Amino acid sequence: MNVKTICLAILTQGETTGYDIRKRSTEGDYAYFMEASFGSIYPALSKLEEEGYVTSRTVAQEGKPSKRVYQITPTGREFFINSLYDELNDDMFRSEFLLFLRFVEDLPRSLVEKRINERIAKCDDAIENVKKLEKEFTKPSERWVLNFGQHCMRNARQYLIEQKHEIIALAQEEEHPARAAE
């Protein structure tokens, strides 16, 4: 799957702008699936339009620049559904937090504990954000995906709470260990 796929997925739910596609794919209901930047969304939408998978129209706005609104075509919907049959790539999981934890032996315990508590708070926020989506997502498949996401976040949170003492104990006792030369 690629940026074209995420654009089509969002457009299956109704017409929208490139800006809204980016917003939904970075901080909205599609943020958990794939990241899409402005630099990749607009070329993807142009290509999709060339291929006949989407159409667009310009809408004038009072006091603002005009905006381009995209809509999926029947051919685009068929193309999108067919793309779901393609083999899926492995999930990408990258974490600055885990990189940080990999080097706790070089860090003070107070900093390690602070970062773990921050991560627990982020898990709490993510769980709440998913709960907010429950009102909008009514299809059984959407509910299943939301429940899966909540389960993953709850398990991560629980693991951090139950096991944080182990990783904190690996950190340095002193408050300000020697920093690497800058």
N, C-alpha and C. Protein backbone atom coordinates (compact mmCIF):
# COMPACT_ATOMS: atom_id res chain seq x y z
N MET A 1 0.85 -1.17 0.00
CA MET A 1 0.00 0.00 0.00
C MET A 1 0.89 1.24 0.00
N ASN A 2 0.36 2.29 -0.57
CA ASN A 2 1.13 3.53 -0.67
C ASN A 2 0.22 4.73 -0.43
N VAL A 3 0.73 5.91 -0.70
CA VAL A 3 -0.04 7.14 -0.45
C VAL A 3 -1.30 7.18 -1.31
N LYS A 4 -1.23 6.66 -2.53
CA LYS A 4 -2.43 6.62 -3.38
C LYS A 4 -3.52 5.80 -2.69
N THR A 5 -3.13 4.71 -2.06
CA THR A 5 -4.09 3.84 -1.38
C THR A 5 -4.77 4.58 -0.23
N ILE A 6 -3.98 5.29 0.57
CA ILE A 6 -4.57 6.00 1.72
C ILE A 6 -5.49 7.12 1.24
N CYS A 7 -5.11 7.80 0.14
CA CYS A 7 -5.98 8.84 -0.43
C CYS A 7 -7.32 8.24 -0.86
N LEU A 8 -7.25 7.13 -1.58
CA LEU A 8 -8.48 6.48 -2.03
C LEU A 8 -9.31 5.98 -0.85
N ALA A 9 -8.65 5.43 0.17
CA ALA A 9 -9.38 4.95 1.35
C ALA A 9 -10.18 6.08 1.98
N ILE A 10 -9.55 7.22 2.15
CA ILE A 10 -10.24 8.36 2.76
C ILE A 10 -11.36 8.85 1.85
N LEU A 11 -11.11 8.86 0.55
CA LEU A 11 -12.13 9.34 -0.40
C LEU A 11 -13.33 8.39 -0.50
N THR A 12 -13.18 7.13 -0.09
CA THR A 12 -14.35 6.23 -0.10
C THR A 12 -15.41 6.71 0.88
N GLN A 13 -15.02 7.56 1.81
CA GLN A 13 -15.96 8.06 2.82
C GLN A 13 -16.57 9.40 2.44
N GLY A 14 -16.23 9.89 1.26
CA GLY A 14 -16.81 11.14 0.79
C GLY A 14 -15.76 12.08 0.25
N GLU A 15 -16.23 13.08 -0.48
CA GLU A 15 -15.29 14.03 -1.08
C GLU A 15 -14.58 14.85 -0.02
N THR A 16 -13.36 15.25 -0.33
CA THR A 16 -12.57 16.03 0.62
C THR A 16 -11.41 16.70 -0.09
N THR A 17 -10.67 17.51 0.63
CA THR A 17 -9.53 18.24 0.08
C THR A 17 -8.23 17.50 0.40
N GLY A 18 -7.17 17.86 -0.31
CA GLY A 18 -5.86 17.31 0.00
C GLY A 18 -5.43 17.65 1.41
N TYR A 19 -5.76 18.86 1.84
CA TYR A 19 -5.44 19.29 3.21
C TYR A 19 -6.11 18.37 4.23
N ASP A 20 -7.38 18.07 4.02
CA ASP A 20 -8.10 17.20 4.95
C ASP A 20 -7.57 15.76 4.91
N ILE A 21 -7.14 15.31 3.73
CA ILE A 21 -6.53 13.98 3.63
C ILE A 21 -5.27 13.94 4.49
N ARG A 22 -4.45 14.98 4.37
CA ARG A 22 -3.23 15.03 5.18
C ARG A 22 -3.57 15.06 6.66
N LYS A 23 -4.53 15.87 7.04
CA LYS A 23 -4.91 15.99 8.45
C LYS A 23 -5.39 14.64 9.00
N ARG A 24 -6.23 13.97 8.24
CA ARG A 24 -6.76 12.68 8.69
C ARG A 24 -5.67 11.60 8.73
N SER A 25 -4.68 11.72 7.83
CA SER A 25 -3.63 10.70 7.79
C SER A 25 -2.49 10.98 8.76
N THR A 26 -2.43 12.17 9.34
CA THR A 26 -1.36 12.46 10.30
C THR A 26 -1.86 12.59 11.73
N GLU A 27 -3.10 13.05 11.91
CA GLU A 27 -3.58 13.22 13.29
C GLU A 27 -5.03 12.78 13.46
N GLY A 28 -5.61 12.22 12.44
CA GLY A 28 -7.01 11.82 12.51
C GLY A 28 -7.19 10.31 12.50
N ASP A 29 -8.32 9.89 11.99
CA ASP A 29 -8.70 8.48 12.03
C ASP A 29 -7.85 7.57 11.15
N TYR A 30 -7.03 8.12 10.27
CA TYR A 30 -6.15 7.30 9.44
C TYR A 30 -4.68 7.39 9.86
N ALA A 31 -4.40 8.10 10.94
CA ALA A 31 -3.02 8.30 11.39
C ALA A 31 -2.35 7.00 11.82
N TYR A 32 -3.12 6.00 12.16
CA TYR A 32 -2.57 4.74 12.65
C TYR A 32 -2.17 3.79 11.52
N PHE A 33 -2.50 4.15 10.28
CA PHE A 33 -2.28 3.22 9.18
C PHE A 33 -1.04 3.55 8.35
N MET A 34 -0.89 4.81 8.02
CA MET A 34 0.20 5.20 7.14
C MET A 34 0.39 6.70 7.24
N GLU A 35 1.62 7.14 7.14
CA GLU A 35 1.90 8.57 7.19
C GLU A 35 1.94 9.11 5.76
N ALA A 36 1.33 10.25 5.56
CA ALA A 36 1.32 10.88 4.24
C ALA A 36 1.55 12.37 4.40
N SER A 37 2.55 12.89 3.73
CA SER A 37 2.88 14.31 3.82
C SER A 37 2.24 15.07 2.66
N PHE A 38 2.20 16.41 2.79
CA PHE A 38 1.70 17.23 1.68
C PHE A 38 2.49 16.93 0.42
N GLY A 39 3.81 16.73 0.58
CA GLY A 39 4.68 16.49 -0.56
C GLY A 39 4.39 15.20 -1.28
N SER A 40 3.70 14.27 -0.63
CA SER A 40 3.35 13.02 -1.30
C SER A 40 1.86 12.95 -1.66
N ILE A 41 1.02 13.64 -0.92
CA ILE A 41 -0.43 13.57 -1.17
C ILE A 41 -0.82 14.22 -2.49
N TYR A 42 -0.36 15.43 -2.73
CA TYR A 42 -0.78 16.13 -3.95
C TYR A 42 -0.29 15.46 -5.23
N PRO A 43 0.96 14.98 -5.29
CA PRO A 43 1.35 14.22 -6.48
C PRO A 43 0.52 12.94 -6.65
N ALA A 44 0.20 12.28 -5.53
CA ALA A 44 -0.63 11.07 -5.60
C ALA A 44 -2.02 11.40 -6.12
N LEU A 45 -2.62 12.49 -5.63
CA LEU A 45 -3.95 12.89 -6.11
C LEU A 45 -3.92 13.26 -7.59
N SER A 46 -2.87 13.95 -8.02
CA SER A 46 -2.75 14.29 -9.45
C SER A 46 -2.67 13.04 -10.30
N LYS A 47 -1.87 12.08 -9.85
CA LYS A 47 -1.73 10.82 -10.59
C LYS A 47 -3.06 10.06 -10.61
N LEU A 48 -3.74 10.02 -9.47
CA LEU A 48 -5.04 9.35 -9.40
C LEU A 48 -6.05 10.01 -10.34
N GLU A 49 -5.97 11.33 -10.46
CA GLU A 49 -6.88 12.04 -11.37
C GLU A 49 -6.53 11.72 -12.82
N GLU A 50 -5.25 11.70 -13.14
CA GLU A 50 -4.81 11.33 -14.50
C GLU A 50 -5.30 9.94 -14.87
N GLU A 51 -5.27 9.03 -13.91
CA GLU A 51 -5.66 7.64 -14.14
C GLU A 51 -7.17 7.43 -14.12
N GLY A 52 -7.92 8.49 -13.79
CA GLY A 52 -9.38 8.40 -13.78
C GLY A 52 -9.96 7.83 -12.50
N TYR A 53 -9.15 7.73 -11.45
CA TYR A 53 -9.62 7.16 -10.20
C TYR A 53 -10.26 8.19 -9.28
N VAL A 54 -9.95 9.47 -9.50
CA VAL A 54 -10.59 10.55 -8.76
C VAL A 54 -10.89 11.69 -9.72
N THR A 55 -11.83 12.52 -9.32
CA THR A 55 -12.09 13.77 -10.04
C THR A 55 -11.91 14.89 -9.02
N SER A 56 -11.75 16.10 -9.54
CA SER A 56 -11.63 17.23 -8.63
C SER A 56 -12.38 18.42 -9.20
N ARG A 57 -12.73 19.31 -8.31
CA ARG A 57 -13.35 20.57 -8.71
C ARG A 57 -12.82 21.65 -7.79
N THR A 58 -12.79 22.86 -8.30
CA THR A 58 -12.31 24.00 -7.53
C THR A 58 -13.50 24.69 -6.88
N VAL A 59 -13.38 24.97 -5.61
CA VAL A 59 -14.44 25.61 -4.85
C VAL A 59 -13.91 26.95 -4.33
N ALA A 60 -14.63 28.02 -4.69
CA ALA A 60 -14.25 29.35 -4.22
C ALA A 60 -14.63 29.50 -2.75
N GLN A 61 -13.76 30.20 -2.00
CA GLN A 61 -14.03 30.46 -0.59
C GLN A 61 -13.93 31.96 -0.36
N GLU A 62 -14.85 32.48 0.38
CA GLU A 62 -14.85 33.91 0.63
C GLU A 62 -13.69 34.29 1.56
N GLY A 63 -12.87 35.22 1.11
CA GLY A 63 -11.76 35.70 1.92
C GLY A 63 -10.58 34.75 2.01
N LYS A 64 -10.63 33.65 1.28
CA LYS A 64 -9.55 32.65 1.30
C LYS A 64 -9.29 32.21 -0.14
N PRO A 65 -8.14 31.60 -0.36
CA PRO A 65 -7.89 31.05 -1.70
C PRO A 65 -8.87 29.91 -2.00
N SER A 66 -9.11 29.68 -3.27
CA SER A 66 -9.97 28.56 -3.67
C SER A 66 -9.35 27.25 -3.21
N LYS A 67 -10.21 26.26 -3.02
CA LYS A 67 -9.69 24.94 -2.64
C LYS A 67 -10.13 23.91 -3.66
N ARG A 68 -9.36 22.87 -3.77
CA ARG A 68 -9.66 21.79 -4.70
C ARG A 68 -10.26 20.63 -3.90
N VAL A 69 -11.43 20.19 -4.31
CA VAL A 69 -12.13 19.10 -3.63
C VAL A 69 -12.08 17.87 -4.52
N TYR A 70 -11.68 16.74 -3.93
CA TYR A 70 -11.52 15.49 -4.67
C TYR A 70 -12.64 14.52 -4.33
N GLN A 71 -12.99 13.71 -5.33
CA GLN A 71 -14.03 12.69 -5.15
C GLN A 71 -13.58 11.43 -5.88
N ILE A 72 -13.80 10.28 -5.26
CA ILE A 72 -13.43 9.02 -5.88
C ILE A 72 -14.44 8.66 -6.96
N THR A 73 -13.98 8.07 -8.04
CA THR A 73 -14.86 7.62 -9.12
C THR A 73 -15.21 6.15 -8.88
N PRO A 74 -16.23 5.62 -9.57
CA PRO A 74 -16.51 4.19 -9.45
C PRO A 74 -15.29 3.33 -9.82
N THR A 75 -14.56 3.75 -10.84
CA THR A 75 -13.34 3.03 -11.23
C THR A 75 -12.29 3.11 -10.12
N GLY A 76 -12.21 4.27 -9.47
CA GLY A 76 -11.27 4.44 -8.36
C GLY A 76 -11.62 3.56 -7.18
N ARG A 77 -12.91 3.46 -6.90
CA ARG A 77 -13.35 2.59 -5.80
C ARG A 77 -13.01 1.14 -6.11
N GLU A 78 -13.26 0.72 -7.35
CA GLU A 78 -12.93 -0.65 -7.76
C GLU A 78 -11.42 -0.89 -7.65
N PHE A 79 -10.63 0.09 -8.11
CA PHE A 79 -9.17 -0.02 -8.03
C PHE A 79 -8.73 -0.14 -6.57
N PHE A 80 -9.33 0.67 -5.69
CA PHE A 80 -8.99 0.63 -4.27
C PHE A 80 -9.30 -0.74 -3.67
N ILE A 81 -10.51 -1.24 -3.91
CA ILE A 81 -10.90 -2.55 -3.36
C ILE A 81 -9.96 -3.63 -3.88
N ASN A 82 -9.64 -3.58 -5.17
CA ASN A 82 -8.71 -4.57 -5.74
C ASN A 82 -7.33 -4.47 -5.10
N SER A 83 -6.91 -3.26 -4.74
CA SER A 83 -5.59 -3.09 -4.12
C SER A 83 -5.53 -3.75 -2.74
N LEU A 84 -6.67 -3.92 -2.10
CA LEU A 84 -6.70 -4.57 -0.80
C LEU A 84 -6.40 -6.07 -0.89
N TYR A 85 -6.49 -6.62 -2.11
CA TYR A 85 -6.15 -8.02 -2.33
C TYR A 85 -4.64 -8.22 -2.42
N ASP A 86 -3.89 -7.14 -2.67
CA ASP A 86 -2.43 -7.24 -2.78
C ASP A 86 -1.85 -7.70 -1.45
N GLU A 87 -0.69 -8.35 -1.54
CA GLU A 87 0.00 -8.77 -0.33
C GLU A 87 0.36 -7.54 0.51
N LEU A 88 0.19 -7.66 1.80
CA LEU A 88 0.46 -6.54 2.71
C LEU A 88 1.93 -6.51 3.11
N ASN A 89 2.46 -5.32 3.24
CA ASN A 89 3.82 -5.15 3.76
C ASN A 89 3.80 -5.39 5.26
N ASP A 90 4.96 -5.67 5.82
CA ASP A 90 5.07 -5.80 7.28
C ASP A 90 4.76 -4.44 7.91
N ASP A 91 4.17 -4.48 9.09
CA ASP A 91 3.94 -3.24 9.83
C ASP A 91 5.29 -2.62 10.17
N MET A 92 5.34 -1.31 10.10
CA MET A 92 6.56 -0.58 10.45
C MET A 92 6.40 -0.04 11.86
N PHE A 93 7.29 -0.44 12.73
CA PHE A 93 7.24 0.09 14.09
C PHE A 93 8.61 0.66 14.40
N ARG A 94 8.65 1.96 14.57
CA ARG A 94 9.88 2.65 14.95
C ARG A 94 9.56 3.47 16.20
N SER A 95 10.51 3.50 17.11
CA SER A 95 10.23 4.18 18.36
C SER A 95 11.48 4.86 18.91
N GLU A 96 11.43 6.18 19.00
CA GLU A 96 12.50 6.93 19.66
C GLU A 96 12.55 6.55 21.14
N PHE A 97 11.41 6.25 21.70
CA PHE A 97 11.33 5.85 23.10
C PHE A 97 12.15 4.58 23.35
N LEU A 98 12.01 3.59 22.47
CA LEU A 98 12.77 2.36 22.64
C LEU A 98 14.27 2.58 22.41
N LEU A 99 14.61 3.47 21.50
CA LEU A 99 16.02 3.83 21.32
C LEU A 99 16.56 4.45 22.61
N PHE A 100 15.80 5.35 23.18
CA PHE A 100 16.18 5.97 24.46
C PHE A 100 16.41 4.88 25.52
N LEU A 101 15.47 3.94 25.64
CA LEU A 101 15.57 2.90 26.66
C LEU A 101 16.76 1.97 26.42
N ARG A 102 17.16 1.82 25.20
CA ARG A 102 18.29 0.94 24.89
C ARG A 102 19.58 1.45 25.53
N PHE A 103 19.63 2.72 25.86
CA PHE A 103 20.84 3.31 26.42
C PHE A 103 20.65 3.84 27.84
N VAL A 104 19.74 3.23 28.59
CA VAL A 104 19.47 3.73 29.95
C VAL A 104 20.67 3.63 30.87
N GLU A 105 21.58 2.71 30.61
CA GLU A 105 22.75 2.57 31.47
C GLU A 105 23.59 3.84 31.50
N ASP A 106 23.44 4.69 30.49
CA ASP A 106 24.19 5.94 30.40
C ASP A 106 23.40 7.14 30.90
N LEU A 107 22.23 6.92 31.44
CA LEU A 107 21.33 8.02 31.81
C LEU A 107 20.96 7.97 33.29
N PRO A 108 20.58 9.11 33.86
CA PRO A 108 20.16 9.11 35.27
C PRO A 108 18.76 8.50 35.44
N ARG A 109 18.57 7.86 36.55
CA ARG A 109 17.28 7.22 36.84
C ARG A 109 16.12 8.20 36.77
N SER A 110 16.34 9.40 37.25
CA SER A 110 15.25 10.38 37.26
C SER A 110 14.77 10.68 35.84
N LEU A 111 15.68 10.76 34.89
CA LEU A 111 15.30 11.01 33.50
C LEU A 111 14.57 9.81 32.91
N VAL A 112 15.06 8.63 33.20
CA VAL A 112 14.43 7.41 32.68
C VAL A 112 13.00 7.29 33.22
N GLU A 113 12.84 7.53 34.51
CA GLU A 113 11.50 7.47 35.10
C GLU A 113 10.58 8.53 34.50
N LYS A 114 11.12 9.72 34.29
CA LYS A 114 10.33 10.80 33.67
C LYS A 114 9.85 10.39 32.28
N ARG A 115 10.75 9.84 31.46
CA ARG A 115 10.37 9.44 30.10
C ARG A 115 9.33 8.31 30.11
N ILE A 116 9.47 7.38 31.02
CA ILE A 116 8.50 6.29 31.10
C ILE A 116 7.13 6.84 31.51
N ASN A 117 7.11 7.73 32.47
CA ASN A 117 5.83 8.33 32.88
C ASN A 117 5.21 9.15 31.75
N GLU A 118 6.05 9.84 30.98
CA GLU A 118 5.54 10.56 29.81
C GLU A 118 4.92 9.60 28.80
N ARG A 119 5.56 8.45 28.61
CA ARG A 119 5.05 7.46 27.66
C ARG A 119 3.73 6.88 28.15
N ILE A 120 3.62 6.63 29.43
CA ILE A 120 2.36 6.14 30.00
C ILE A 120 1.25 7.16 29.74
N ALA A 121 1.55 8.44 29.94
CA ALA A 121 0.57 9.50 29.67
C ALA A 121 0.20 9.53 28.19
N LYS A 122 1.16 9.32 27.30
CA LYS A 122 0.86 9.28 25.87
C LYS A 122 -0.03 8.08 25.53
N CYS A 123 0.20 6.97 26.18
CA CYS A 123 -0.68 5.80 25.99
C CYS A 123 -2.10 6.15 26.43
N ASP A 124 -2.22 6.82 27.58
CA ASP A 124 -3.54 7.23 28.07
C ASP A 124 -4.23 8.14 27.05
N ASP A 125 -3.47 9.10 26.50
CA ASP A 125 -4.03 10.01 25.49
C ASP A 125 -4.48 9.25 24.25
N ALA A 126 -3.66 8.31 23.80
CA ALA A 126 -4.00 7.53 22.61
C ALA A 126 -5.26 6.70 22.84
N ILE A 127 -5.38 6.11 24.01
CA ILE A 127 -6.57 5.32 24.34
C ILE A 127 -7.81 6.22 24.33
N GLU A 128 -7.70 7.40 24.89
CA GLU A 128 -8.83 8.36 24.89
C GLU A 128 -9.18 8.80 23.47
N ASN A 129 -8.17 9.05 22.65
CA ASN A 129 -8.43 9.46 21.26
C ASN A 129 -9.16 8.37 20.49
N VAL A 130 -8.79 7.12 20.72
CA VAL A 130 -9.48 6.01 20.05
C VAL A 130 -10.91 5.92 20.56
N LYS A 131 -11.13 6.13 21.85
CA LYS A 131 -12.49 6.10 22.40
C LYS A 131 -13.37 7.15 21.74
N LYS A 132 -12.80 8.33 21.46
CA LYS A 132 -13.56 9.39 20.81
C LYS A 132 -14.01 8.98 19.41
N LEU A 133 -13.22 8.15 18.76
CA LEU A 133 -13.58 7.70 17.40
C LEU A 133 -14.74 6.71 17.40
N GLU A 134 -15.03 6.10 18.55
CA GLU A 134 -16.10 5.11 18.62
C GLU A 134 -17.44 5.67 18.18
N LYS A 135 -17.68 6.97 18.42
CA LYS A 135 -18.95 7.58 18.03
C LYS A 135 -19.10 7.64 16.51
N GLU A 136 -17.97 7.85 15.83
CA GLU A 136 -18.00 7.98 14.37
C GLU A 136 -17.96 6.64 13.66
N PHE A 137 -17.35 5.66 14.28
CA PHE A 137 -17.14 4.37 13.63
C PHE A 137 -18.23 3.40 14.08
N THR A 138 -19.12 3.07 13.18
CA THR A 138 -20.25 2.22 13.54
C THR A 138 -20.21 0.85 12.86
N LYS A 139 -19.45 0.73 11.79
CA LYS A 139 -19.35 -0.57 11.11
C LYS A 139 -18.62 -1.57 12.01
N PRO A 140 -19.05 -2.83 12.00
CA PRO A 140 -18.37 -3.84 12.83
C PRO A 140 -16.86 -3.92 12.56
N SER A 141 -16.45 -3.80 11.31
CA SER A 141 -15.01 -3.88 11.00
C SER A 141 -14.26 -2.69 11.58
N GLU A 142 -14.88 -1.51 11.55
CA GLU A 142 -14.25 -0.33 12.13
C GLU A 142 -14.12 -0.49 13.64
N ARG A 143 -15.16 -1.03 14.27
CA ARG A 143 -15.13 -1.26 15.72
C ARG A 143 -14.03 -2.26 16.08
N TRP A 144 -13.89 -3.31 15.27
CA TRP A 144 -12.87 -4.31 15.53
C TRP A 144 -11.48 -3.67 15.48
N VAL A 145 -11.23 -2.83 14.48
CA VAL A 145 -9.94 -2.16 14.34
C VAL A 145 -9.70 -1.24 15.55
N LEU A 146 -10.72 -0.49 15.96
CA LEU A 146 -10.58 0.37 17.14
C LEU A 146 -10.26 -0.45 18.39
N ASN A 147 -10.96 -1.55 18.57
CA ASN A 147 -10.72 -2.40 19.73
C ASN A 147 -9.30 -2.97 19.72
N PHE A 148 -8.82 -3.35 18.55
CA PHE A 148 -7.45 -3.85 18.42
C PHE A 148 -6.45 -2.78 18.84
N GLY A 149 -6.65 -1.57 18.35
CA GLY A 149 -5.77 -0.45 18.70
C GLY A 149 -5.78 -0.16 20.19
N GLN A 150 -6.98 -0.15 20.78
CA GLN A 150 -7.07 0.08 22.23
C GLN A 150 -6.36 -1.02 23.00
N HIS A 151 -6.54 -2.25 22.56
CA HIS A 151 -5.91 -3.39 23.22
C HIS A 151 -4.39 -3.25 23.19
N CYS A 152 -3.84 -2.89 22.05
CA CYS A 152 -2.38 -2.71 21.93
C CYS A 152 -1.89 -1.61 22.87
N MET A 153 -2.60 -0.48 22.89
CA MET A 153 -2.19 0.63 23.75
C MET A 153 -2.33 0.29 25.23
N ARG A 154 -3.40 -0.40 25.59
CA ARG A 154 -3.58 -0.79 26.99
C ARG A 154 -2.48 -1.76 27.44
N ASN A 155 -2.14 -2.70 26.56
CA ASN A 155 -1.08 -3.65 26.90
C ASN A 155 0.27 -2.96 27.04
N ALA A 156 0.57 -2.03 26.14
CA ALA A 156 1.82 -1.27 26.24
C ALA A 156 1.85 -0.50 27.55
N ARG A 157 0.75 0.17 27.87
CA ARG A 157 0.65 0.94 29.11
C ARG A 157 0.85 0.04 30.32
N GLN A 158 0.16 -1.09 30.33
CA GLN A 158 0.25 -2.02 31.46
C GLN A 158 1.66 -2.56 31.63
N TYR A 159 2.31 -2.88 30.52
CA TYR A 159 3.68 -3.38 30.58
C TYR A 159 4.61 -2.33 31.18
N LEU A 160 4.46 -1.09 30.74
CA LEU A 160 5.29 -0.01 31.28
C LEU A 160 5.09 0.14 32.79
N ILE A 161 3.85 0.09 33.22
CA ILE A 161 3.56 0.25 34.65
C ILE A 161 4.15 -0.92 35.45
N GLU A 162 3.94 -2.13 34.96
CA GLU A 162 4.36 -3.31 35.71
C GLU A 162 5.87 -3.55 35.67
N GLN A 163 6.53 -3.15 34.59
CA GLN A 163 7.94 -3.48 34.41
C GLN A 163 8.89 -2.29 34.49
N LYS A 164 8.38 -1.10 34.72
CA LYS A 164 9.26 0.07 34.67
C LYS A 164 10.38 0.02 35.70
N HIS A 165 10.13 -0.59 36.85
CA HIS A 165 11.18 -0.67 37.87
C HIS A 165 12.42 -1.39 37.37
N GLU A 166 12.25 -2.38 36.49
CA GLU A 166 13.39 -3.13 35.96
C GLU A 166 14.30 -2.24 35.12
N ILE A 167 13.72 -1.47 34.22
CA ILE A 167 14.53 -0.64 33.33
C ILE A 167 15.09 0.57 34.08
N ILE A 168 14.33 1.11 35.02
CA ILE A 168 14.82 2.24 35.82
C ILE A 168 16.04 1.80 36.65
N ALA A 169 16.01 0.58 37.17
CA ALA A 169 17.12 0.07 37.98
C ALA A 169 18.42 -0.04 37.18
N LEU A 170 18.33 -0.12 35.87
CA LEU A 170 19.52 -0.22 35.03
C LEU A 170 20.20 1.13 34.82
N ALA A 171 19.47 2.21 35.08
CA ALA A 171 20.02 3.56 34.87
C ALA A 171 20.99 3.92 35.99
N GLN A 172 21.73 4.98 35.76
CA GLN A 172 22.72 5.44 36.74
C GLN A 172 22.04 6.10 37.94
N GLU A 173 22.61 5.87 39.10
CA GLU A 173 22.04 6.46 40.32
C GLU A 173 22.27 7.95 40.39
N GLU A 174 23.42 8.41 39.93
CA GLU A 174 23.72 9.84 40.06
C GLU A 174 22.74 10.67 39.25
N GLU A 175 22.51 11.85 39.73
CA GLU A 175 21.52 12.74 39.10
C GLU A 175 21.98 13.26 37.75
N HIS A 176 23.26 13.56 37.62
CA HIS A 176 23.77 14.11 36.36
C HIS A 176 25.01 13.34 35.93
N PRO A 177 24.84 12.20 35.27
CA PRO A 177 26.02 11.45 34.83
C PRO A 177 26.80 12.26 33.79
N ALA A 178 28.02 11.88 33.63
CA ALA A 178 28.86 12.59 32.65
C ALA A 178 28.23 12.48 31.28
N ARG A 179 28.07 13.62 30.63
CA ARG A 179 27.50 13.64 29.28
C ARG A 179 28.61 13.43 28.27
N ALA A 180 28.25 12.86 27.16
CA ALA A 180 29.22 12.69 26.09
C ALA A 180 29.64 14.07 25.59
N ALA A 181 30.87 14.17 25.14
CA ALA A 181 31.35 15.45 24.60
C ALA A 181 30.47 15.88 23.45
N GLU A 182 30.11 17.13 23.47
CA GLU A 182 29.20 17.63 22.42
C GLU A 182 29.94 18.02 21.19
